[in-house]
PDB file of N, CA and C in Angstrom:
ATOM      1  N   MET A   1     112.305  87.342  91.657  1.00  0.00           N
ATOM      2  CA  MET A   1     112.045  88.097  90.430  1.00  0.00           C
ATOM      3  C   MET A   1     111.229  89.341  90.762  1.00  0.00           C
ATOM      4  N   LYS A   2     111.539  90.441  90.078  1.00  0.00           N
ATOM      5  CA  LYS A   2     110.806  91.678  90.277  1.00  0.00           C
ATOM      6  C   LYS A   2     109.676  91.784  89.263  1.00  0.00           C
ATOM      7  N   TYR A   3     108.499  92.052  89.775  1.00  0.00           N
ATOM      8  CA  TYR A   3     107.333  92.206  88.909  1.00  0.00           C
ATOM      9  C   TYR A   3     106.915  93.661  88.787  1.00  0.00           C
ATOM     10  N   PHE A   4     107.566  94.532  89.570  1.00  0.00           N
ATOM     11  CA  PHE A   4     107.232  95.945  89.584  1.00  0.00           C
ATOM     12  C   PHE A   4     108.466  96.765  89.270  1.00  0.00           C
ATOM     13  N   ASP A   5     108.431  97.501  88.162  1.00  0.00           N
ATOM     14  CA  ASP A   5     109.531  98.375  87.754  1.00  0.00           C
ATOM     15  C   ASP A   5     109.236  99.788  88.255  1.00  0.00           C
ATOM     16  N   GLU A   6     109.947 100.179  89.289  1.00  0.00           N
ATOM     17  CA  GLU A   6     109.735 101.476  89.953  1.00  0.00           C
ATOM     18  C   GLU A   6     109.878 102.647  88.982  1.00  0.00           C
ATOM     19  N   GLU A   7     110.876 102.583  88.132  1.00  0.00           N
ATOM     20  CA  GLU A   7     111.136 103.676  87.201  1.00  0.00           C
ATOM     21  C   GLU A   7     110.025 103.822  86.161  1.00  0.00           C
ATOM     22  N   LYS A   8     109.640 102.726  85.571  1.00  0.00           N
ATOM     23  CA  LYS A   8     108.621 102.732  84.522  1.00  0.00           C
ATOM     24  C   LYS A   8     107.245 103.132  85.051  1.00  0.00           C
ATOM     25  N   MET A   9     106.959 102.774  86.306  1.00  0.00           N
ATOM     26  CA  MET A   9     105.640 103.003  86.890  1.00  0.00           C
ATOM     27  C   MET A   9     105.598 104.234  87.806  1.00  0.00           C
ATOM     28  N   ALA A  10     106.595 105.086  87.761  1.00  0.00           N
ATOM     29  CA  ALA A  10     106.705 106.213  88.699  1.00  0.00           C
ATOM     30  C   ALA A  10     105.470 107.117  88.693  1.00  0.00           C
ATOM     31  N   ASP A  11     104.986 107.515  87.525  1.00  0.00           N
ATOM     32  CA  ASP A  11     103.827 108.411  87.450  1.00  0.00           C
ATOM     33  C   ASP A  11     102.559 107.747  87.980  1.00  0.00           C
ATOM     34  N   ILE A  12     102.353 106.512  87.598  1.00  0.00           N
ATOM     35  CA  ILE A  12     101.161 105.790  88.055  1.00  0.00           C
ATOM     36  C   ILE A  12     101.235 105.551  89.554  1.00  0.00           C
ATOM     37  N   ARG A  13     102.407 105.181  90.042  1.00  0.00           N
ATOM     38  CA  ARG A  13     102.550 104.953  91.486  1.00  0.00           C
ATOM     39  C   ARG A  13     102.292 106.241  92.261  1.00  0.00           C
ATOM     40  N   GLU A  14     102.833 107.332  91.801  1.00  0.00           N
ATOM     41  CA  GLU A  14     102.628 108.624  92.479  1.00  0.00           C
ATOM     42  C   GLU A  14     101.148 108.980  92.540  1.00  0.00           C
ATOM     43  N   ALA A  15     100.440 108.821  91.427  1.00  0.00           N
ATOM     44  CA  ALA A  15      99.003 109.117  91.391  1.00  0.00           C
ATOM     45  C   ALA A  15      98.227 108.156  92.288  1.00  0.00           C
ATOM     46  N   PHE A  16      98.579 106.890  92.250  1.00  0.00           N
ATOM     47  CA  PHE A  16      97.898 105.883  93.068  1.00  0.00           C
ATOM     48  C   PHE A  16      98.136 106.151  94.554  1.00  0.00           C
ATOM     49  N   ASP A  17      99.385 106.373  94.918  1.00  0.00           N
ATOM     50  CA  ASP A  17      99.726 106.659  96.316  1.00  0.00           C
ATOM     51  C   ASP A  17      99.035 107.911  96.834  1.00  0.00           C
ATOM     52  N   SER A  18      98.959 108.943  95.997  1.00  0.00           N
ATOM     53  CA  SER A  18      98.374 110.207  96.449  1.00  0.00           C
ATOM     54  C   SER A  18      96.906 110.045  96.832  1.00  0.00           C
ATOM     55  N   GLU A  19      96.245 109.069  96.270  1.00  0.00           N
ATOM     56  CA  GLU A  19      94.849 108.832  96.632  1.00  0.00           C
ATOM     57  C   GLU A  19      94.704 107.728  97.684  1.00  0.00           C
ATOM     58  N   VAL A  20      95.260 106.575  97.413  1.00  0.00           N
ATOM     59  CA  VAL A  20      95.026 105.401  98.251  1.00  0.00           C
ATOM     60  C   VAL A  20      95.644 105.530  99.642  1.00  0.00           C
ATOM     61  N   LEU A  21      96.801 106.126  99.741  1.00  0.00           N
ATOM     62  CA  LEU A  21      97.445 106.223 101.049  1.00  0.00           C
ATOM     63  C   LEU A  21      96.767 107.225 101.979  1.00  0.00           C
ATOM     64  N   LYS A  22      95.806 107.975 101.460  1.00  0.00           N
ATOM     65  CA  LYS A  22      94.990 108.864 102.297  1.00  0.00           C
ATOM     66  C   LYS A  22      93.859 108.093 102.984  1.00  0.00           C
ATOM     67  N   TRP A  23      93.523 106.927 102.441  1.00  0.00           N
ATOM     68  CA  TRP A  23      92.435 106.139 102.999  1.00  0.00           C
ATOM     69  C   TRP A  23      92.881 105.569 104.340  1.00  0.00           C
ATOM     70  N   LYS A  24      91.947 105.478 105.242  1.00  0.00           N
ATOM     71  CA  LYS A  24      92.240 105.019 106.595  1.00  0.00           C
ATOM     72  C   LYS A  24      92.824 103.599 106.595  1.00  0.00           C
ATOM     73  N   ASP A  25      93.905 103.437 107.345  1.00  0.00           N
ATOM     74  CA  ASP A  25      94.548 102.135 107.588  1.00  0.00           C
ATOM     75  C   ASP A  25      95.214 101.511 106.370  1.00  0.00           C
ATOM     76  N   VAL A  26      95.491 102.270 105.329  1.00  0.00           N
ATOM     77  CA  VAL A  26      96.150 101.704 104.145  1.00  0.00           C
ATOM     78  C   VAL A  26      97.652 101.963 104.218  1.00  0.00           C
ATOM     79  N   VAL A  27      98.404 100.919 103.951  1.00  0.00           N
ATOM     80  CA  VAL A  27      99.859 101.031 103.865  1.00  0.00           C
ATOM     81  C   VAL A  27     100.310 100.337 102.585  1.00  0.00           C
ATOM     82  N   SER A  28     101.477 100.732 102.113  1.00  0.00           N
ATOM     83  CA  SER A  28     102.060 100.038 100.961  1.00  0.00           C
ATOM     84  C   SER A  28     103.376  99.430 101.407  1.00  0.00           C
ATOM     85  N   ARG A  29     103.679  98.286 100.818  1.00  0.00           N
ATOM     86  CA  ARG A  29     104.970  97.671 101.104  1.00  0.00           C
ATOM     87  C   ARG A  29     105.331  96.735  99.958  1.00  0.00           C
ATOM     88  N   PRO A  30     106.618  96.717  99.640  1.00  0.00           N
ATOM     89  CA  PRO A  30     107.066  95.781  98.615  1.00  0.00           C
ATOM     90  C   PRO A  30     107.038  94.357  99.159  1.00  0.00           C
ATOM     91  N   MET A  31     106.440  93.473  98.396  1.00  0.00           N
ATOM     92  CA  MET A  31     106.364  92.063  98.777  1.00  0.00           C
ATOM     93  C   MET A  31     106.393  91.220  97.508  1.00  0.00           C
ATOM     94  N   MET A  32     107.185  90.181  97.523  1.00  0.00           N
ATOM     95  CA  MET A  32     107.237  89.214  96.425  1.00  0.00           C
ATOM     96  C   MET A  32     107.473  89.874  95.064  1.00  0.00           C
ATOM     97  N   GLY A  33     108.248  90.951  95.041  1.00  0.00           N
ATOM     98  CA  GLY A  33     108.574  91.619  93.791  1.00  0.00           C
ATOM     99  C   GLY A  33     107.514  92.564  93.278  1.00  0.00           C
ATOM    100  N   CYS A  34     106.450  92.789  94.052  1.00  0.00           N
ATOM    101  CA  CYS A  34     105.362  93.696  93.675  1.00  0.00           C
ATOM    102  C   CYS A  34     105.251  94.787  94.729  1.00  0.00           C
ATOM    103  N   LEU A  35     104.510  95.828  94.443  1.00  0.00           N
ATOM    104  CA  LEU A  35     104.226  96.853  95.430  1.00  0.00           C
ATOM    105  C   LEU A  35     102.795  96.636  95.904  1.00  0.00           C
ATOM    106  N   CYS A  36     102.649  96.155  97.125  1.00  0.00           N
ATOM    107  CA  CYS A  36     101.351  95.747  97.660  1.00  0.00           C
ATOM    108  C   CYS A  36     100.731  96.840  98.524  1.00  0.00           C
ATOM    109  N   TYR A  37      99.412  96.893  98.495  1.00  0.00           N
ATOM    110  CA  TYR A  37      98.644  97.835  99.310  1.00  0.00           C
ATOM    111  C   TYR A  37      97.711  97.022 100.190  1.00  0.00           C
ATOM    112  N   LEU A  38      97.777  97.306 101.487  1.00  0.00           N
ATOM    113  CA  LEU A  38      97.011  96.543 102.458  1.00  0.00           C
ATOM    114  C   LEU A  38      96.200  97.468 103.353  1.00  0.00           C
ATOM    115  N   ARG A  39      95.088  96.944 103.827  1.00  0.00           N
ATOM    116  CA  ARG A  39      94.288  97.618 104.841  1.00  0.00           C
ATOM    117  C   ARG A  39      94.197  96.667 106.024  1.00  0.00           C
ATOM    118  N   LYS A  40      94.830  97.058 107.099  1.00  0.00           N
ATOM    119  CA  LYS A  40      94.872  96.207 108.293  1.00  0.00           C
ATOM    120  C   LYS A  40      95.243  94.771 107.941  1.00  0.00           C
ATOM    121  N   ARG A  41      96.351  94.596 107.258  1.00  0.00           N
ATOM    122  CA  ARG A  41      96.902  93.291 106.889  1.00  0.00           C
ATOM    123  C   ARG A  41      96.122  92.540 105.817  1.00  0.00           C
ATOM    124  N   LYS A  42      95.085  93.116 105.270  1.00  0.00           N
ATOM    125  CA  LYS A  42      94.339  92.458 104.198  1.00  0.00           C
ATOM    126  C   LYS A  42      94.709  93.127 102.875  1.00  0.00           C
ATOM    127  N   PHE A  43      95.042  92.305 101.908  1.00  0.00           N
ATOM    128  CA  PHE A  43      95.435  92.819 100.602  1.00  0.00           C
ATOM    129  C   PHE A  43      94.262  93.534  99.930  1.00  0.00           C
ATOM    130  N   VAL A  44      94.563  94.708  99.409  1.00  0.00           N
ATOM    131  CA  VAL A  44      93.591  95.454  98.616  1.00  0.00           C
ATOM    132  C   VAL A  44      93.958  95.291  97.145  1.00  0.00           C
ATOM    133  N   SER A  45      95.211  95.596  96.833  1.00  0.00           N
ATOM    134  CA  SER A  45      95.674  95.504  95.455  1.00  0.00           C
ATOM    135  C   SER A  45      97.193  95.475  95.438  1.00  0.00           C
ATOM    136  N   PHE A  46      97.744  95.225  94.269  1.00  0.00           N
ATOM    137  CA  PHE A  46      99.180  95.413  94.109  1.00  0.00           C
ATOM    138  C   PHE A  46      99.485  95.864  92.696  1.00  0.00           C
ATOM    139  N   LEU A  47     100.505  96.708  92.625  1.00  0.00           N
ATOM    140  CA  LEU A  47     100.955  97.224  91.341  1.00  0.00           C
ATOM    141  C   LEU A  47     102.040  96.317  90.790  1.00  0.00           C
ATOM    142  N   VAL A  48     101.942  96.066  89.498  1.00  0.00           N
ATOM    143  CA  VAL A  48     102.967  95.350  88.759  1.00  0.00           C
ATOM    144  C   VAL A  48     103.329  96.242  87.578  1.00  0.00           C
ATOM    145  N   THR A  49     104.413  95.943  86.908  1.00  0.00           N
ATOM    146  CA  THR A  49     104.800  96.741  85.754  1.00  0.00           C
ATOM    147  C   THR A  49     103.682  96.698  84.714  1.00  0.00           C
ATOM    148  N   ASP A  50     103.220  97.864  84.334  1.00  0.00           N
ATOM    149  CA  ASP A  50     102.166  98.041  83.325  1.00  0.00           C
ATOM    150  C   ASP A  50     100.784  97.557  83.754  1.00  0.00           C
ATOM    151  N   GLY A  51     100.543  97.411  85.063  1.00  0.00           N
ATOM    152  CA  GLY A  51      99.219  96.963  85.472  1.00  0.00           C
ATOM    153  C   GLY A  51      98.975  97.005  86.963  1.00  0.00           C
ATOM    154  N   ILE A  52      97.757  96.604  87.307  1.00  0.00           N
ATOM    155  CA  ILE A  52      97.338  96.510  88.697  1.00  0.00           C
ATOM    156  C   ILE A  52      96.538  95.228  88.867  1.00  0.00           C
ATOM    157  N   VAL A  53      96.691  94.623  90.034  1.00  0.00           N
ATOM    158  CA  VAL A  53      95.903  93.454  90.396  1.00  0.00           C
ATOM    159  C   VAL A  53      95.063  93.861  91.595  1.00  0.00           C
ATOM    160  N   ILE A  54      93.753  93.747  91.450  1.00  0.00           N
ATOM    161  CA  ILE A  54      92.835  94.080  92.537  1.00  0.00           C
ATOM    162  C   ILE A  54      92.363  92.758  93.126  1.00  0.00           C
ATOM    163  N   MET A  55      92.542  92.623  94.408  1.00  0.00           N
ATOM    164  CA  MET A  55      92.280  91.358  95.084  1.00  0.00           C
ATOM    165  C   MET A  55      90.787  91.112  95.282  1.00  0.00           C
ATOM    166  N   LYS A  56      90.408  89.836  95.226  1.00  0.00           N
ATOM    167  CA  LYS A  56      89.086  89.346  95.606  1.00  0.00           C
ATOM    168  C   LYS A  56      87.912  90.151  95.046  1.00  0.00           C
ATOM    169  N   LEU A  57      87.976  90.460  93.768  1.00  0.00           N
ATOM    170  CA  LEU A  57      86.837  91.112  93.128  1.00  0.00           C
ATOM    171  C   LEU A  57      85.739  90.093  92.878  1.00  0.00           C
ATOM    172  N   SER A  58      84.511  90.557  92.881  1.00  0.00           N
ATOM    173  CA  SER A  58      83.414  89.668  92.535  1.00  0.00           C
ATOM    174  C   SER A  58      83.560  89.259  91.069  1.00  0.00           C
ATOM    175  N   ASP A  59      82.937  88.161  90.698  1.00  0.00           N
ATOM    176  CA  ASP A  59      83.001  87.706  89.306  1.00  0.00           C
ATOM    177  C   ASP A  59      82.468  88.774  88.362  1.00  0.00           C
ATOM    178  N   LYS A  60      81.408  89.455  88.788  1.00  0.00           N
ATOM    179  CA  LYS A  60      80.810  90.500  87.964  1.00  0.00           C
ATOM    180  C   LYS A  60      81.802  91.646  87.728  1.00  0.00           C
ATOM    181  N   ASP A  61      82.435  92.126  88.809  1.00  0.00           N
ATOM    182  CA  ASP A  61      83.404  93.216  88.671  1.00  0.00           C
ATOM    183  C   ASP A  61      84.614  92.792  87.855  1.00  0.00           C
ATOM    184  N   GLN A  62      85.060  91.547  88.062  1.00  0.00           N
ATOM    185  CA  GLN A  62      86.198  91.043  87.303  1.00  0.00           C
ATOM    186  C   GLN A  62      85.871  90.988  85.810  1.00  0.00           C
ATOM    187  N   THR A  63      84.657  90.583  85.472  1.00  0.00           N
ATOM    188  CA  THR A  63      84.228  90.528  84.081  1.00  0.00           C
ATOM    189  C   THR A  63      84.180  91.927  83.475  1.00  0.00           C
ATOM    190  N   VAL A  64      83.681  92.888  84.239  1.00  0.00           N
ATOM    191  CA  VAL A  64      83.636  94.271  83.748  1.00  0.00           C
ATOM    192  C   VAL A  64      85.046  94.767  83.444  1.00  0.00           C
ATOM    193  N   LEU A  65      85.981  94.530  84.350  1.00  0.00           N
ATOM    194  CA  LEU A  65      87.369  94.952  84.119  1.00  0.00           C
ATOM    195  C   LEU A  65      87.968  94.269  82.896  1.00  0.00           C
ATOM    196  N   LYS A  66      87.727  92.968  82.768  1.00  0.00           N
ATOM    197  CA  LYS A  66      88.267  92.226  81.624  1.00  0.00           C
ATOM    198  C   LYS A  66      87.707  92.763  80.315  1.00  0.00           C
ATOM    199  N   ASP A  67      86.391  93.007  80.283  1.00  0.00           N
ATOM    200  CA  ASP A  67      85.755  93.489  79.060  1.00  0.00           C
ATOM    201  C   ASP A  67      86.208  94.905  78.707  1.00  0.00           C
ATOM    202  N   LYS A  68      86.367  95.720  79.710  1.00  0.00           N
ATOM    203  CA  LYS A  68      86.703  97.126  79.484  1.00  0.00           C
ATOM    204  C   LYS A  68      88.183  97.349  79.177  1.00  0.00           C
ATOM    205  N   PHE A  69      89.062  96.617  79.873  1.00  0.00           N
ATOM    206  CA  PHE A  69      90.497  96.879  79.769  1.00  0.00           C
ATOM    207  C   PHE A  69      91.313  95.745  79.170  1.00  0.00           C
ATOM    208  N   GLY A  70      90.751  94.548  79.119  1.00  0.00           N
ATOM    209  CA  GLY A  70      91.553  93.407  78.682  1.00  0.00           C
ATOM    210  C   GLY A  70      92.426  92.941  79.826  1.00  0.00           C
ATOM    211  N   GLY A  71      93.610  92.508  79.517  1.00  0.00           N
ATOM    212  CA  GLY A  71      94.528  92.055  80.546  1.00  0.00           C
ATOM    213  C   GLY A  71      94.839  90.588  80.406  1.00  0.00           C
ATOM    214  N   LYS A  72      95.385  90.044  81.483  1.00  0.00           N
ATOM    215  CA  LYS A  72      95.793  88.647  81.468  1.00  0.00           C
ATOM    216  C   LYS A  72      95.882  88.137  82.897  1.00  0.00           C
ATOM    217  N   PRO A  73      95.904  86.823  83.064  1.00  0.00           N
ATOM    218  CA  PRO A  73      96.089  86.272  84.404  1.00  0.00           C
ATOM    219  C   PRO A  73      97.479  86.618  84.932  1.00  0.00           C
ATOM    220  N   PHE A  74      97.572  86.806  86.225  1.00  0.00           N
ATOM    221  CA  PHE A  74      98.852  87.102  86.869  1.00  0.00           C
ATOM    222  C   PHE A  74      99.676  85.831  86.968  1.00  0.00           C
ATOM    223  N   GLU A  75     100.943  85.928  86.576  1.00  0.00           N
ATOM    224  CA  GLU A  75     101.846  84.787  86.647  1.00  0.00           C
ATOM    225  C   GLU A  75     102.993  85.100  87.580  1.00  0.00           C
ATOM    226  N   MET A  76     103.285  84.148  88.464  1.00  0.00           N
ATOM    227  CA  MET A  76     104.404  84.307  89.389  1.00  0.00           C
ATOM    228  C   MET A  76     105.127  82.975  89.497  1.00  0.00           C
ATOM    229  N   ALA A  77     106.422  83.022  89.289  1.00  0.00           N
ATOM    230  CA  ALA A  77     107.271  81.830  89.406  1.00  0.00           C
ATOM    231  C   ALA A  77     106.745  80.670  88.546  1.00  0.00           C
ATOM    232  N   GLY A  78     106.310  80.996  87.342  1.00  0.00           N
ATOM    233  CA  GLY A  78     105.835  79.969  86.419  1.00  0.00           C
ATOM    234  C   GLY A  78     104.436  79.463  86.691  1.00  0.00           C
ATOM    235  N   GLN A  79     103.782  79.976  87.714  1.00  0.00           N
ATOM    236  CA  GLN A  79     102.423  79.567  88.066  1.00  0.00           C
ATOM    237  C   GLN A  79     101.438  80.645  87.625  1.00  0.00           C
ATOM    238  N   THR A  80     100.335  80.253  87.034  1.00  0.00           N
ATOM    239  CA  THR A  80      99.288  81.180  86.651  1.00  0.00           C
ATOM    240  C   THR A  80      98.223  81.171  87.739  1.00  0.00           C
ATOM    241  N   SER A  81      97.855  82.359  88.201  1.00  0.00           N
ATOM    242  CA  SER A  81      96.871  82.437  89.281  1.00  0.00           C
ATOM    243  C   SER A  81      95.507  82.854  88.753  1.00  0.00           C
ATOM    244  N   ARG A  82      94.527  82.844  89.653  1.00  0.00           N
ATOM    245  CA  ARG A  82      93.182  83.301  89.298  1.00  0.00           C
ATOM    246  C   ARG A  82      93.123  84.816  89.257  1.00  0.00           C
ATOM    247  N   LEU A  83      94.117  85.478  89.830  1.00  0.00           N
ATOM    248  CA  LEU A  83      94.139  86.941  89.860  1.00  0.00           C
ATOM    249  C   LEU A  83      94.376  87.484  88.463  1.00  0.00           C
ATOM    250  N   TRP A  84      93.802  88.648  88.205  1.00  0.00           N
ATOM    251  CA  TRP A  84      93.838  89.227  86.874  1.00  0.00           C
ATOM    252  C   TRP A  84      94.638  90.525  86.883  1.00  0.00           C
ATOM    253  N   VAL A  85      95.540  90.680  85.929  1.00  0.00           N
ATOM    254  CA  VAL A  85      96.299  91.916  85.774  1.00  0.00           C
ATOM    255  C   VAL A  85      95.534  92.827  84.830  1.00  0.00           C
ATOM    256  N   THR A  86      95.078  93.950  85.357  1.00  0.00           N
ATOM    257  CA  THR A  86      94.407  94.957  84.532  1.00  0.00           C
ATOM    258  C   THR A  86      95.476  95.924  84.034  1.00  0.00           C
ATOM    259  N   PRO A  87      95.611  96.095  82.722  1.00  0.00           N
ATOM    260  CA  PRO A  87      96.662  96.962  82.192  1.00  0.00           C
ATOM    261  C   PRO A  87      96.456  98.419  82.582  1.00  0.00           C
ATOM    262  N   LEU A  88      97.558  99.085  82.883  1.00  0.00           N
ATOM    263  CA  LEU A  88      97.559 100.526  83.148  1.00  0.00           C
ATOM    264  C   LEU A  88      98.628 101.150  82.264  1.00  0.00           C
ATOM    265  N   LYS A  89      98.185 101.916  81.282  1.00  0.00           N
ATOM    266  CA  LYS A  89      99.138 102.572  80.394  1.00  0.00           C
ATOM    267  C   LYS A  89      99.400 104.008  80.812  1.00  0.00           C
ATOM    268  N   SER A  90      98.452 104.579  81.563  1.00  0.00           N
ATOM    269  CA  SER A  90      98.591 105.974  81.981  1.00  0.00           C
ATOM    270  C   SER A  90      97.762 106.225  83.240  1.00  0.00           C
ATOM    271  N   THR A  91      97.899 107.415  83.780  1.00  0.00           N
ATOM    272  CA  THR A  91      97.105 107.781  84.959  1.00  0.00           C
ATOM    273  C   THR A  91      95.625 107.870  84.596  1.00  0.00           C
ATOM    274  N   LYS A  92      95.318 108.081  83.327  1.00  0.00           N
ATOM    275  CA  LYS A  92      93.915 108.091  82.888  1.00  0.00           C
ATOM    276  C   LYS A  92      93.291 106.710  83.100  1.00  0.00           C
ATOM    277  N   ASP A  93      94.017 105.660  82.749  1.00  0.00           N
ATOM    278  CA  ASP A  93      93.537 104.293  82.988  1.00  0.00           C
ATOM    279  C   ASP A  93      93.361 104.043  84.478  1.00  0.00           C
ATOM    280  N   LEU A  94      94.287 104.569  85.264  1.00  0.00           N
ATOM    281  CA  LEU A  94      94.219 104.394  86.715  1.00  0.00           C
ATOM    282  C   LEU A  94      92.936 104.980  87.280  1.00  0.00           C
ATOM    283  N   LYS A  95      92.560 106.143  86.810  1.00  0.00           N
ATOM    284  CA  LYS A  95      91.324 106.783  87.296  1.00  0.00           C
ATOM    285  C   LYS A  95      90.097 105.920  87.004  1.00  0.00           C
ATOM    286  N   LEU A  96      90.126 105.196  85.898  1.00  0.00           N
ATOM    287  CA  LEU A  96      88.989 104.351  85.530  1.00  0.00           C
ATOM    288  C   LEU A  96      88.877 103.097  86.395  1.00  0.00           C
ATOM    289  N   VAL A  97      89.989 102.623  86.938  1.00  0.00           N
ATOM    290  CA  VAL A  97      89.930 101.421  87.791  1.00  0.00           C
ATOM    291  C   VAL A  97      89.801 101.757  89.275  1.00  0.00           C
ATOM    292  N   MET A  98      89.964 103.018  89.639  1.00  0.00           N
ATOM    293  CA  MET A  98      89.915 103.393  91.055  1.00  0.00           C
ATOM    294  C   MET A  98      88.599 103.027  91.751  1.00  0.00           C
ATOM    295  N   PRO A  99      87.436 103.098  91.095  1.00  0.00           N
ATOM    296  CA  PRO A  99      86.216 102.666  91.787  1.00  0.00           C
ATOM    297  C   PRO A  99      86.277 101.196  92.228  1.00  0.00           C
ATOM    298  N   PHE A 100      86.956 100.352  91.465  1.00  0.00           N
ATOM    299  CA  PHE A 100      87.104  98.946  91.826  1.00  0.00           C
ATOM    300  C   PHE A 100      88.061  98.792  93.009  1.00  0.00           C
ATOM    301  N   VAL A 101      89.114  99.591  93.015  1.00  0.00           N
ATOM    302  CA  VAL A 101      90.063  99.565  94.131  1.00  0.00           C
ATOM    303  C   VAL A 101      89.358 100.036  95.404  1.00  0.00           C
ATOM    304  N   ARG A 102      88.574 101.097  95.283  1.00  0.00           N
ATOM    305  CA  ARG A 102      87.851 101.620  96.447  1.00  0.00           C
ATOM    306  C   ARG A 102      86.857 100.582  96.996  1.00  0.00           C
ATOM    307  N   LYS A 103      86.206  99.889  96.094  1.00  0.00           N
ATOM    308  CA  LYS A 103      85.244  98.867  96.504  1.00  0.00           C
ATOM    309  C   LYS A 103      85.962  97.764  97.281  1.00  0.00           C
ATOM    310  N   ARG A 104      87.107  97.329  96.793  1.00  0.00           N
ATOM    311  CA  ARG A 104      87.878  96.304  97.494  1.00  0.00           C
ATOM    312  C   ARG A 104      88.362  96.819  98.852  1.00  0.00           C
ATOM    313  N   TYR A 105      88.782  98.078  98.891  1.00  0.00           N
ATOM    314  CA  TYR A 105      89.213  98.692 100.149  1.00  0.00           C
ATOM    315  C   TYR A 105      88.082  98.624 101.182  1.00  0.00           C
ATOM    316  N   GLU A 106      86.883  98.959 100.769  1.00  0.00           N
ATOM    317  CA  GLU A 106      85.759  98.970 101.683  1.00  0.00           C
ATOM    318  C   GLU A 106      85.390  97.564 102.149  1.00  0.00           C
ATOM    319  N   GLU A 107      85.626  96.573 101.310  1.00  0.00           N
ATOM    320  CA  GLU A 107      85.322  95.191 101.675  1.00  0.00           C
ATOM    321  C   GLU A 107      86.414  94.566 102.536  1.00  0.00           C
ATOM    322  N   ALA A 108      87.578  95.179 102.592  1.00  0.00           N
ATOM    323  CA  ALA A 108      88.719  94.582 103.274  1.00  0.00           C
ATOM    324  C   ALA A 108      88.738  94.814 104.776  1.00  0.00           C
ATOM    325  N   LEU A 109      87.606  94.718 105.394  1.00  0.00           N
ATOM    326  CA  LEU A 109      87.569  94.868 106.859  1.00  0.00           C
ATOM    327  C   LEU A 109      87.164  93.593 107.541  1.00  0.00           C
TER     328      LEU A 109
END
């Protein structure tokens, strides 16, 4: 199953790629129906249709994202995970979550 709609997310992906792919050792690759971003084989985040999942956030950061943006748990193949999908409706929303993505990038070493 595809969780990432390339056409629908084109603007957000372009904005995200233009920043994140400049960071040292970051690559993107499609995996499990999502567009994943890794730093030296460690997951940083992945884009899904209408949202982003940032890996291994602290409970405090996860709570801030939930309170500020809402969202829902990520579901794959009928299973609900602990990972949280933060909604992205526009590139403006993306700019607001980028500090969390950067923090995860820095921790992914």
